[in-house]
Amino acid sequence: MTSADLHTMTGAYALHALDEDERREFEGHLVECPACAREVREFRATSARLAVAVAESPGPELKRRVMDEIATVRQLPPELPDRHSPTPVEPRRTRRVVVLVLAACLAAIGALGGVAIDRYRDARDAERAVAEQRARGAAIEAVITAPDAVGGSAPASGGGTVRVIASPALDRAVVLTSGLPTLPDARVYQGWYSDNGRMRSIGLIRPGTALLASGLDRASGVGVTVEPAGGSARPSGAPIVLIDLPAGRS
């Protein structure tokens, strides 16, 4: 496996999606690559937030049904490998599979972020909110899995990391943050497209959620600044991070 392949396996390793050989090889790489070690920590934190977000306590009716059925279900014997049959070899996972695994997590995080259905007393409003968030999650996944997706990540001054994935064909970008410090109530994080230094606002960023931005056009990069509550028409200070997008993309 090449060094470039190893750099794409951070998400799959964090989600325990590597086979034994891949895991050993990646762990050998991990001790020598601080950037990959940082990404693994970030992906693990993201998957943990996802697990908490979707966790639900079973209702009393479900518990009663399970307990009633336990006595009637026969336990299956353990499956033993056939000594005469060769052990099947699982093909190496491609970067595409890794991206799809990460996309599912990131799209779900984006779909769940900021939604509190219990605040809606009207059922129609709740259904509409769910439909909108599902559509947003699908749009995020489309950007992350797009064949022409480009991007990168960088540490932010003051702490935390910002990751950007952009699809010129879809004219959209997804901005993900991890570990950004909590700001005072009077301050917010704001995202920007950089057109060779000229900044265009793409919206406010809530740490730990995904920002889906349209109007990518020919932006040369994506930046994040700290602004007064409500945001600004133009940056009021230097970006805490500015991530360049590859030039010459179609």
Protein backbone atom coordinates (compact mmCIF):
# COMPACT_ATOMS: atom_id res chain seq x y z
CA MET A 1 0.00 0.00 0.00
CA THR A 2 1.38 3.41 -0.95
CA SER A 3 1.78 6.34 1.42
CA ALA A 4 -0.97 8.19 -0.46
CA ASP A 5 -3.35 5.26 0.17
CA LEU A 6 -2.56 5.30 3.88
CA HIS A 7 -3.41 8.99 4.15
CA THR A 8 -6.96 8.29 2.88
CA MET A 9 -7.68 5.64 5.53
CA THR A 10 -8.04 7.85 8.63
CA GLY A 11 -11.83 7.76 8.60
CA ALA A 12 -12.09 4.03 7.97
CA TYR A 13 -9.64 3.37 10.83
CA ALA A 14 -11.58 5.62 13.21
CA LEU A 15 -14.78 3.73 12.33
CA HIS A 16 -13.12 0.28 12.69
CA ALA A 17 -13.74 -0.44 9.00
CA LEU A 18 -10.28 -1.84 8.17
CA ASP A 19 -9.36 -5.50 8.03
CA GLU A 20 -6.58 -6.84 10.26
CA ASP A 21 -3.78 -6.40 7.71
CA GLU A 22 -4.87 -2.88 6.83
CA ARG A 23 -5.19 -1.95 10.51
CA ARG A 24 -1.65 -3.10 11.33
CA GLU A 25 -0.17 -1.30 8.33
CA PHE A 26 -2.08 1.91 9.09
CA GLU A 27 -1.12 1.86 12.78
CA GLY A 28 2.52 1.64 11.75
CA HIS A 29 1.98 4.73 9.60
CA LEU A 30 0.00 6.49 12.33
CA VAL A 31 2.92 6.71 14.78
CA GLU A 32 4.93 8.59 12.14
CA CYS A 33 2.21 10.91 10.81
CA PRO A 34 0.87 13.60 13.19
CA ALA A 35 -1.61 14.85 10.55
CA CYS A 36 -3.28 11.44 10.26
CA ALA A 37 -3.28 11.02 14.04
CA ARG A 38 -5.09 14.35 14.37
CA GLU A 39 -7.66 13.37 11.73
CA VAL A 40 -8.32 10.05 13.47
CA ARG A 41 -9.07 11.90 16.73
CA GLU A 42 -11.41 14.26 14.90
CA PHE A 43 -13.30 11.48 13.12
CA ARG A 44 -13.69 9.56 16.38
CA ALA A 45 -15.11 12.66 18.06
CA THR A 46 -17.54 13.12 15.16
CA SER A 47 -18.74 9.52 15.27
CA ALA A 48 -19.22 9.81 19.04
CA ARG A 49 -21.40 12.90 18.58
CA LEU A 50 -23.41 11.04 15.98
CA ALA A 51 -23.99 8.11 18.32
CA VAL A 52 -25.22 10.42 21.07
CA ALA A 53 -27.44 12.33 18.66
CA VAL A 54 -29.30 9.26 17.41
CA ALA A 55 -29.42 7.30 20.66
CA GLU A 56 -32.93 6.54 21.92
CA SER A 57 -34.10 4.72 25.02
CA PRO A 58 -36.37 1.76 24.23
CA GLY A 59 -39.98 2.15 25.30
CA PRO A 60 -41.59 -0.11 27.90
CA GLU A 61 -43.60 -1.95 25.23
CA LEU A 62 -40.45 -2.92 23.29
CA LYS A 63 -38.75 -4.12 26.47
CA ARG A 64 -41.78 -6.24 27.40
CA ARG A 65 -41.89 -7.86 23.96
CA VAL A 66 -38.17 -8.68 24.04
CA MET A 67 -38.40 -10.24 27.48
CA ASP A 68 -41.43 -12.30 26.43
CA GLU A 69 -39.63 -13.64 23.36
CA ILE A 70 -36.34 -14.54 25.04
CA ALA A 71 -37.65 -17.78 26.48
CA THR A 72 -38.90 -18.96 23.07
CA VAL A 73 -35.75 -18.26 21.05
CA ARG A 74 -33.18 -21.02 20.76
CA GLN A 75 -29.57 -19.92 20.92
CA LEU A 76 -27.58 -20.76 17.81
CA PRO A 77 -24.36 -22.77 18.18
CA PRO A 78 -21.09 -20.99 17.32
CA GLU A 79 -19.95 -21.22 13.72
CA LEU A 80 -16.60 -22.96 13.32
CA PRO A 81 -14.38 -22.45 10.29
CA ASP A 82 -13.98 -25.36 7.87
CA ARG A 83 -10.40 -26.56 8.19
CA HIS A 84 -10.43 -27.79 4.60
CA SER A 85 -11.71 -24.56 3.12
CA PRO A 86 -9.29 -21.73 2.43
CA THR A 87 -9.95 -18.51 4.33
CA PRO A 88 -11.55 -16.02 1.94
CA VAL A 89 -9.46 -12.95 1.29
CA GLU A 90 -11.34 -9.70 1.51
CA PRO A 91 -10.34 -7.31 -1.29
CA ARG A 92 -8.65 -4.10 -0.33
CA ARG A 93 -11.07 -1.27 0.26
CA THR A 94 -10.80 1.56 -2.17
CA ARG A 95 -10.73 5.24 -1.38
CA ARG A 96 -14.29 5.40 -2.71
CA VAL A 97 -15.54 3.06 0.03
CA VAL A 98 -13.75 5.09 2.68
CA VAL A 99 -15.32 8.29 1.38
CA LEU A 100 -18.79 6.72 1.38
CA VAL A 101 -18.40 5.58 4.98
CA LEU A 102 -17.35 9.05 6.05
CA ALA A 103 -20.06 10.65 3.97
CA ALA A 104 -22.75 8.68 5.73
CA CYS A 105 -21.50 9.91 9.13
CA LEU A 106 -20.94 13.50 8.06
CA ALA A 107 -24.28 13.75 6.26
CA ALA A 108 -26.03 12.38 9.31
CA ILE A 109 -24.23 14.87 11.56
CA GLY A 110 -25.30 17.66 9.23
CA ALA A 111 -28.88 16.41 9.13
CA LEU A 112 -29.12 16.10 12.89
CA GLY A 113 -27.30 19.30 13.80
CA GLY A 114 -29.55 21.95 15.28
CA VAL A 115 -32.81 20.00 14.94
CA ALA A 116 -34.94 19.59 18.03
CA ILE A 117 -38.19 18.10 16.85
CA ASP A 118 -39.75 18.23 20.30
CA ARG A 119 -39.95 22.02 20.08
CA TYR A 120 -42.54 21.71 17.34
CA ARG A 121 -46.01 21.27 18.70
CA ASP A 122 -47.61 21.13 15.30
CA ALA A 123 -47.09 17.77 13.59
CA ARG A 124 -46.99 19.29 10.11
CA ASP A 125 -44.21 21.67 11.09
CA ALA A 126 -42.25 18.75 12.53
CA GLU A 127 -42.69 16.67 9.37
CA ARG A 128 -41.64 19.61 7.22
CA ALA A 129 -38.53 20.16 9.37
CA VAL A 130 -37.58 16.48 9.10
CA ALA A 131 -38.01 16.54 5.31
CA GLU A 132 -35.87 19.68 5.03
CA GLN A 133 -33.10 18.21 7.16
CA ARG A 134 -33.12 14.96 5.21
CA ALA A 135 -32.80 16.93 1.99
CA ARG A 136 -29.93 18.89 3.50
CA GLY A 137 -28.22 15.70 4.61
CA ALA A 138 -28.56 14.26 1.09
CA ALA A 139 -27.10 17.46 -0.37
CA ILE A 140 -24.12 17.26 2.00
CA GLU A 141 -23.52 13.63 1.07
CA ALA A 142 -23.72 14.51 -2.64
CA VAL A 143 -20.92 17.07 -2.25
CA ILE A 144 -18.67 14.77 -0.21
CA THR A 145 -19.07 11.84 -2.60
CA ALA A 146 -18.96 13.87 -5.81
CA PRO A 147 -16.38 12.52 -8.33
CA ASP A 148 -14.84 16.00 -8.62
CA ALA A 149 -14.74 16.72 -4.86
CA VAL A 150 -11.66 18.64 -3.73
CA GLY A 151 -10.64 20.27 -0.49
CA GLY A 152 -8.44 20.05 2.54
CA SER A 153 -8.14 20.78 6.24
CA ALA A 154 -6.10 23.13 8.40
CA PRO A 155 -5.77 24.07 12.08
CA ALA A 156 -7.47 27.27 13.15
CA SER A 157 -5.62 29.90 15.12
CA GLY A 158 -6.85 29.63 18.69
CA GLY A 159 -7.52 25.91 18.44
CA GLY A 160 -9.59 23.44 16.48
CA THR A 161 -9.59 22.28 12.88
CA VAL A 162 -11.61 23.24 9.80
CA ARG A 163 -12.17 20.88 6.87
CA VAL A 164 -13.60 21.88 3.48
CA ILE A 165 -14.97 19.64 0.72
CA ALA A 166 -16.05 21.37 -2.49
CA SER A 167 -17.66 20.14 -5.71
CA PRO A 168 -17.32 22.53 -8.67
CA ALA A 169 -19.85 20.48 -10.66
CA LEU A 170 -22.46 20.91 -7.91
CA ASP A 171 -21.34 24.51 -7.25
CA ARG A 172 -21.36 23.74 -3.52
CA ALA A 173 -19.01 23.33 -0.58
CA VAL A 174 -19.29 21.71 2.85
CA VAL A 175 -17.46 23.21 5.82
CA LEU A 176 -16.84 21.00 8.88
CA THR A 177 -15.31 22.09 12.15
CA SER A 178 -13.85 20.22 15.08
CA GLY A 179 -12.64 21.56 18.41
CA LEU A 180 -13.25 25.27 17.76
CA PRO A 181 -13.35 27.19 21.06
CA THR A 182 -16.73 28.30 22.39
CA LEU A 183 -17.27 32.00 21.72
CA PRO A 184 -18.99 34.61 23.92
CA ASP A 185 -22.66 35.20 23.12
CA ALA A 186 -21.79 38.41 21.28
CA ARG A 187 -19.47 36.63 18.80
CA VAL A 188 -20.02 34.04 16.05
CA TYR A 189 -18.00 32.08 13.52
CA GLN A 190 -18.67 33.06 9.91
CA GLY A 191 -17.63 31.28 6.70
CA TRP A 192 -16.40 32.96 3.52
CA TYR A 193 -15.48 32.12 -0.05
CA SER A 194 -12.24 33.75 -1.07
CA ASP A 195 -12.09 34.97 -4.67
CA ASN A 196 -8.35 35.56 -4.75
CA GLY A 197 -8.60 37.67 -1.61
CA ARG A 198 -12.10 39.13 -2.07
CA MET A 199 -14.36 37.55 0.54
CA ARG A 200 -17.98 36.45 0.02
CA SER A 201 -20.06 35.36 3.00
CA ILE A 202 -21.41 31.80 2.98
CA GLY A 203 -23.13 31.90 6.34
CA LEU A 204 -22.65 31.49 10.06
CA ILE A 205 -20.96 28.36 11.39
CA ARG A 206 -22.07 26.56 14.51
CA PRO A 207 -19.14 24.46 15.81
CA GLY A 208 -19.69 20.73 15.49
CA THR A 209 -22.19 20.98 12.63
CA ALA A 210 -21.82 21.07 8.85
CA LEU A 211 -22.26 24.26 6.83
CA LEU A 212 -23.58 23.61 3.31
CA ALA A 213 -22.80 26.53 1.02
CA SER A 214 -23.80 27.16 -2.60
CA GLY A 215 -22.35 29.62 -5.11
CA LEU A 216 -18.85 28.09 -5.16
CA ASP A 217 -18.19 29.43 -8.66
CA ARG A 218 -14.43 30.01 -9.08
CA ALA A 219 -13.60 30.55 -5.39
CA SER A 220 -9.92 30.09 -4.69
CA GLY A 221 -10.41 29.17 -1.05
CA VAL A 222 -12.65 29.03 2.02
CA GLY A 223 -12.02 30.97 5.21
CA VAL A 224 -13.52 31.37 8.68
CA THR A 225 -13.56 34.53 10.78
CA VAL A 226 -14.92 35.57 14.17
CA GLU A 227 -17.62 38.22 13.82
CA PRO A 228 -20.18 40.10 15.93
CA ALA A 229 -23.44 38.26 16.62
CA GLY A 230 -25.53 38.05 13.46
CA GLY A 231 -22.50 38.12 11.16
CA SER A 232 -20.92 40.79 9.00
CA ALA A 233 -21.19 41.95 5.39
CA ARG A 234 -17.40 41.73 5.14
CA PRO A 235 -14.74 40.28 7.46
CA SER A 236 -13.97 42.47 10.44
CA GLY A 237 -10.61 40.78 11.01
CA ALA A 238 -8.14 38.30 9.61
CA PRO A 239 -9.40 34.74 9.07
CA ILE A 240 -8.63 32.25 11.81
CA VAL A 241 -8.14 29.76 8.98
CA LEU A 242 -8.01 29.99 5.17
CA ILE A 243 -8.00 26.81 3.12
CA ASP A 244 -6.94 27.04 -0.53
CA LEU A 245 -8.86 25.11 -3.15
CA PRO A 246 -6.95 23.54 -6.07
CA ALA A 247 -6.48 25.87 -9.02
CA GLY A 248 -7.45 24.87 -12.53
CA ARG A 249 -10.40 22.70 -11.52
CA SER A 250 -13.13 22.37 -14.11
